[in-house]
Amino acid sequence: MRTGERLRGTPRSLAAFVPLWAGVADQDQASRVVDHLPAFEYDHGLVSCEQGWDDGTEHNYPTGWPYSHWYVCSALRAYGFHDEASRIAMKWLRLIASEFDQTGVIRERHNVVDPSVPVPGRYPPQRGFAWTNGVFAALLVRMIFGIEAARDGSEIETRPIFPREWAGEEIQIQLPSYPWSEGVIFNQVAG
């Protein structure tokens, strides 16, 4: 920390995005962290750490975790990197939706580099894992559709960050009342 030099023998990891998620980085620091995004981004989402650390554990390359996708996408959105946030969220959402469509199961972690290859780890990915379900719902509703409720549940605010390929499409969703006092009907043309 004193020299500012990268430690030898340690991988770059998505943990670098936590200060952005917490809102403690300035815009310049955030931009410098975002410059490293290509080291983690693959066709199906974000790996936990850069390539070269595929040591067979569940926390390294090529594994992507739901919570990492949440804090990275939230951080990107908070610092104005909307295209990056929606692109990454959509990659991971499509992976989870595809797996569920094919297997009827939602798992705790995924190989985001090549989903056809088993996920490494000391134990098999757990089925029906709650944080995957929760992050899926939060990325879709809060990140992509930008739907947030006031803390008291009285108002609903929308600030969507739709993927660019949705431009001109009419987007419609209907959400149940929880956590809002009434159901939400969302109807908007993507810009």
Protein backbone atom coordinates (compact mmCIF):
# COMPACT_ATOMS: atom_id res chain seq x y z
CA MET A 1 0.00 0.00 0.00
CA ARG A 2 2.86 2.37 0.70
CA THR A 3 4.51 1.97 -2.70
CA GLY A 4 1.38 1.77 -4.83
CA GLU A 5 2.94 -1.18 -6.64
CA ARG A 6 0.98 -4.31 -7.38
CA LEU A 7 1.85 -7.22 -5.14
CA ARG A 8 3.61 -10.02 -6.95
CA GLY A 9 1.90 -13.38 -6.89
CA THR A 10 -1.59 -12.04 -6.27
CA PRO A 11 -4.35 -11.90 -8.88
CA ARG A 12 -6.47 -8.90 -9.72
CA SER A 13 -9.97 -9.60 -8.47
CA LEU A 14 -13.45 -8.13 -8.57
CA ALA A 15 -12.92 -7.11 -4.94
CA ALA A 16 -11.41 -3.92 -6.42
CA PHE A 17 -15.00 -2.84 -7.22
CA VAL A 18 -16.16 -2.94 -3.59
CA PRO A 19 -14.98 0.64 -2.83
CA LEU A 20 -17.07 1.81 -5.81
CA TRP A 21 -20.08 -0.16 -4.57
CA ALA A 22 -19.59 1.42 -1.13
CA GLY A 23 -19.36 4.89 -2.74
CA VAL A 24 -15.96 5.76 -1.29
CA ALA A 25 -14.04 6.15 -4.57
CA ASP A 26 -13.88 9.43 -6.45
CA GLN A 27 -14.75 9.52 -10.16
CA ASP A 28 -11.10 9.29 -11.26
CA GLN A 29 -10.49 6.26 -9.04
CA ALA A 30 -13.68 4.66 -10.33
CA SER A 31 -12.60 5.21 -13.95
CA ARG A 32 -9.23 3.61 -13.28
CA VAL A 33 -10.89 0.54 -11.74
CA VAL A 34 -13.34 0.28 -14.65
CA ASP A 35 -10.36 0.29 -17.06
CA HIS A 36 -9.56 -3.20 -15.68
CA LEU A 37 -13.03 -4.60 -16.45
CA PRO A 38 -11.85 -6.47 -19.61
CA ALA A 39 -9.68 -8.73 -17.41
CA PHE A 40 -12.85 -10.07 -15.78
CA GLU A 41 -15.56 -9.86 -18.45
CA TYR A 42 -16.50 -12.89 -20.53
CA ASP A 43 -19.46 -13.88 -22.71
CA HIS A 44 -21.57 -14.98 -19.73
CA GLY A 45 -20.54 -12.51 -17.04
CA LEU A 46 -17.66 -11.71 -14.73
CA VAL A 47 -15.03 -14.09 -13.34
CA SER A 48 -13.99 -13.64 -9.72
CA CYS A 49 -10.36 -13.03 -10.57
CA GLU A 50 -8.19 -12.70 -13.63
CA GLN A 51 -7.14 -15.65 -15.77
CA GLY A 52 -4.11 -17.56 -14.58
CA TRP A 53 -5.63 -18.34 -11.20
CA ASP A 54 -7.68 -21.35 -12.25
CA ASP A 55 -6.55 -23.36 -9.25
CA GLY A 56 -9.66 -25.52 -8.99
CA THR A 57 -11.24 -23.58 -6.14
CA GLU A 58 -14.69 -22.11 -6.44
CA HIS A 59 -13.54 -18.52 -5.88
CA ASN A 60 -11.15 -18.16 -8.80
CA TYR A 61 -11.21 -18.15 -12.61
CA PRO A 62 -13.47 -19.25 -14.41
CA THR A 63 -16.16 -18.94 -11.72
CA GLY A 64 -18.65 -16.08 -11.53
CA TRP A 65 -20.67 -15.46 -8.38
CA PRO A 66 -24.05 -13.73 -8.15
CA TYR A 67 -23.02 -11.31 -5.42
CA SER A 68 -20.04 -10.12 -7.49
CA HIS A 69 -22.34 -9.32 -10.39
CA TRP A 70 -24.56 -7.33 -8.04
CA TYR A 71 -21.85 -5.20 -6.45
CA VAL A 72 -20.02 -4.60 -9.75
CA CYS A 73 -23.17 -3.64 -11.68
CA SER A 74 -24.38 -1.46 -8.79
CA ALA A 75 -21.00 0.26 -8.65
CA LEU A 76 -20.92 0.83 -12.40
CA ARG A 77 -24.40 2.34 -12.34
CA ALA A 78 -23.60 4.58 -9.36
CA TYR A 79 -20.57 6.05 -11.14
CA GLY A 80 -22.37 6.58 -14.45
CA PHE A 81 -21.03 3.57 -16.38
CA HIS A 82 -24.54 2.62 -17.53
CA ASP A 83 -23.62 0.79 -20.73
CA GLU A 84 -21.16 -1.40 -18.86
CA ALA A 85 -23.66 -2.08 -16.05
CA SER A 86 -26.47 -3.12 -18.38
CA ARG A 87 -24.17 -5.17 -20.64
CA ILE A 88 -22.75 -7.19 -17.74
CA ALA A 89 -26.11 -7.59 -16.04
CA MET A 90 -27.67 -8.89 -19.26
CA LYS A 91 -24.85 -11.40 -19.84
CA TRP A 92 -25.36 -12.90 -16.41
CA LEU A 93 -29.17 -12.73 -16.54
CA ARG A 94 -29.16 -14.58 -19.87
CA LEU A 95 -26.85 -17.26 -18.44
CA ILE A 96 -29.10 -17.88 -15.43
CA ALA A 97 -32.31 -17.80 -17.50
CA SER A 98 -30.82 -20.21 -20.05
CA GLU A 99 -29.70 -22.65 -17.36
CA PHE A 100 -33.11 -22.53 -15.71
CA ASP A 101 -34.84 -23.03 -19.06
CA GLN A 102 -32.67 -26.08 -19.82
CA THR A 103 -32.55 -27.70 -16.39
CA GLY A 104 -35.29 -26.19 -14.22
CA VAL A 105 -32.59 -25.43 -11.65
CA ILE A 106 -30.85 -22.27 -10.44
CA ARG A 107 -27.39 -22.84 -8.98
CA GLU A 108 -25.19 -20.85 -6.63
CA ARG A 109 -22.21 -20.25 -8.97
CA HIS A 110 -21.41 -20.62 -12.67
CA ASN A 111 -18.60 -21.02 -15.14
CA VAL A 112 -19.03 -17.70 -16.97
CA VAL A 113 -16.25 -18.44 -19.47
CA ASP A 114 -17.72 -21.70 -20.78
CA PRO A 115 -21.01 -22.77 -19.15
CA SER A 116 -20.78 -26.21 -20.79
CA VAL A 117 -17.74 -27.01 -18.61
CA PRO A 118 -18.35 -27.98 -14.96
CA VAL A 119 -17.80 -25.29 -12.36
CA PRO A 120 -14.65 -25.91 -10.34
CA GLY A 121 -14.66 -26.10 -6.58
CA ARG A 122 -14.31 -28.14 -3.43
CA TYR A 123 -18.02 -28.97 -3.55
CA PRO A 124 -20.63 -29.06 -6.35
CA PRO A 125 -22.66 -25.90 -6.99
CA GLN A 126 -25.68 -25.89 -4.72
CA ARG A 127 -29.17 -26.04 -6.28
CA GLY A 128 -31.90 -23.46 -5.71
CA PHE A 129 -29.54 -21.04 -4.08
CA ALA A 130 -31.25 -17.94 -2.66
CA TRP A 131 -28.61 -15.37 -3.51
CA THR A 132 -28.71 -16.34 -7.18
CA ASN A 133 -32.49 -15.93 -7.14
CA GLY A 134 -32.23 -12.61 -5.30
CA VAL A 135 -29.48 -11.19 -7.51
CA PHE A 136 -31.37 -12.27 -10.64
CA ALA A 137 -34.47 -10.40 -9.48
CA ALA A 138 -32.50 -7.36 -8.30
CA LEU A 139 -30.45 -7.05 -11.50
CA LEU A 140 -33.54 -7.32 -13.66
CA VAL A 141 -35.90 -5.11 -11.64
CA ARG A 142 -33.51 -2.61 -10.06
CA MET A 143 -30.66 -2.47 -12.55
CA ILE A 144 -32.21 -3.00 -16.00
CA PHE A 145 -35.72 -1.63 -15.34
CA GLY A 146 -34.42 0.82 -12.72
CA ILE A 147 -37.43 0.34 -10.46
CA GLU A 148 -36.87 1.47 -6.89
CA ALA A 149 -39.39 2.05 -4.14
CA ALA A 150 -39.22 4.80 -1.57
CA ARG A 151 -38.19 3.42 1.82
CA ASP A 152 -41.76 3.74 3.05
CA GLY A 153 -43.08 2.01 -0.08
CA SER A 154 -45.22 5.01 -1.02
CA GLU A 155 -43.57 5.90 -4.33
CA ILE A 156 -41.94 4.08 -7.17
CA GLU A 157 -39.14 5.68 -9.13
CA THR A 158 -37.84 4.33 -12.43
CA ARG A 159 -34.45 5.02 -13.95
CA PRO A 160 -33.90 2.16 -16.40
CA ILE A 161 -30.60 1.40 -18.10
CA PHE A 162 -31.81 -0.76 -20.96
CA PRO A 163 -29.26 -2.46 -23.20
CA ARG A 164 -28.62 -0.51 -26.42
CA GLU A 165 -30.03 -3.34 -28.54
CA TRP A 166 -33.44 -2.73 -26.96
CA ALA A 167 -33.68 0.82 -28.36
CA GLY A 168 -37.15 1.50 -29.76
CA GLU A 169 -38.65 -1.65 -28.20
CA GLU A 170 -41.71 -1.40 -26.00
CA ILE A 171 -40.90 -2.88 -22.60
CA GLN A 172 -43.76 -4.08 -20.40
CA ILE A 173 -43.64 -5.85 -17.06
CA GLN A 174 -46.04 -6.36 -14.20
CA LEU A 175 -44.67 -6.86 -10.72
CA PRO A 176 -46.52 -8.05 -7.62
CA SER A 177 -47.09 -5.78 -4.65
CA TYR A 178 -44.10 -6.88 -2.59
CA PRO A 179 -42.06 -4.86 -1.61
CA TRP A 180 -44.36 -2.07 -2.74
CA SER A 181 -47.74 -1.29 -1.28
CA GLU A 182 -49.36 -1.90 -4.68
CA GLY A 183 -48.39 -3.83 -7.80
CA VAL A 184 -46.29 -2.13 -10.45
CA ILE A 185 -47.10 -2.04 -14.14
CA PHE A 186 -44.11 -0.82 -16.12
CA ASN A 187 -44.61 0.21 -19.74
CA GLN A 188 -41.90 2.18 -21.48
CA VAL A 189 -40.21 2.42 -24.86
CA ALA A 190 -36.48 1.81 -24.56
CA GLY A 191 -34.49 4.85 -25.60
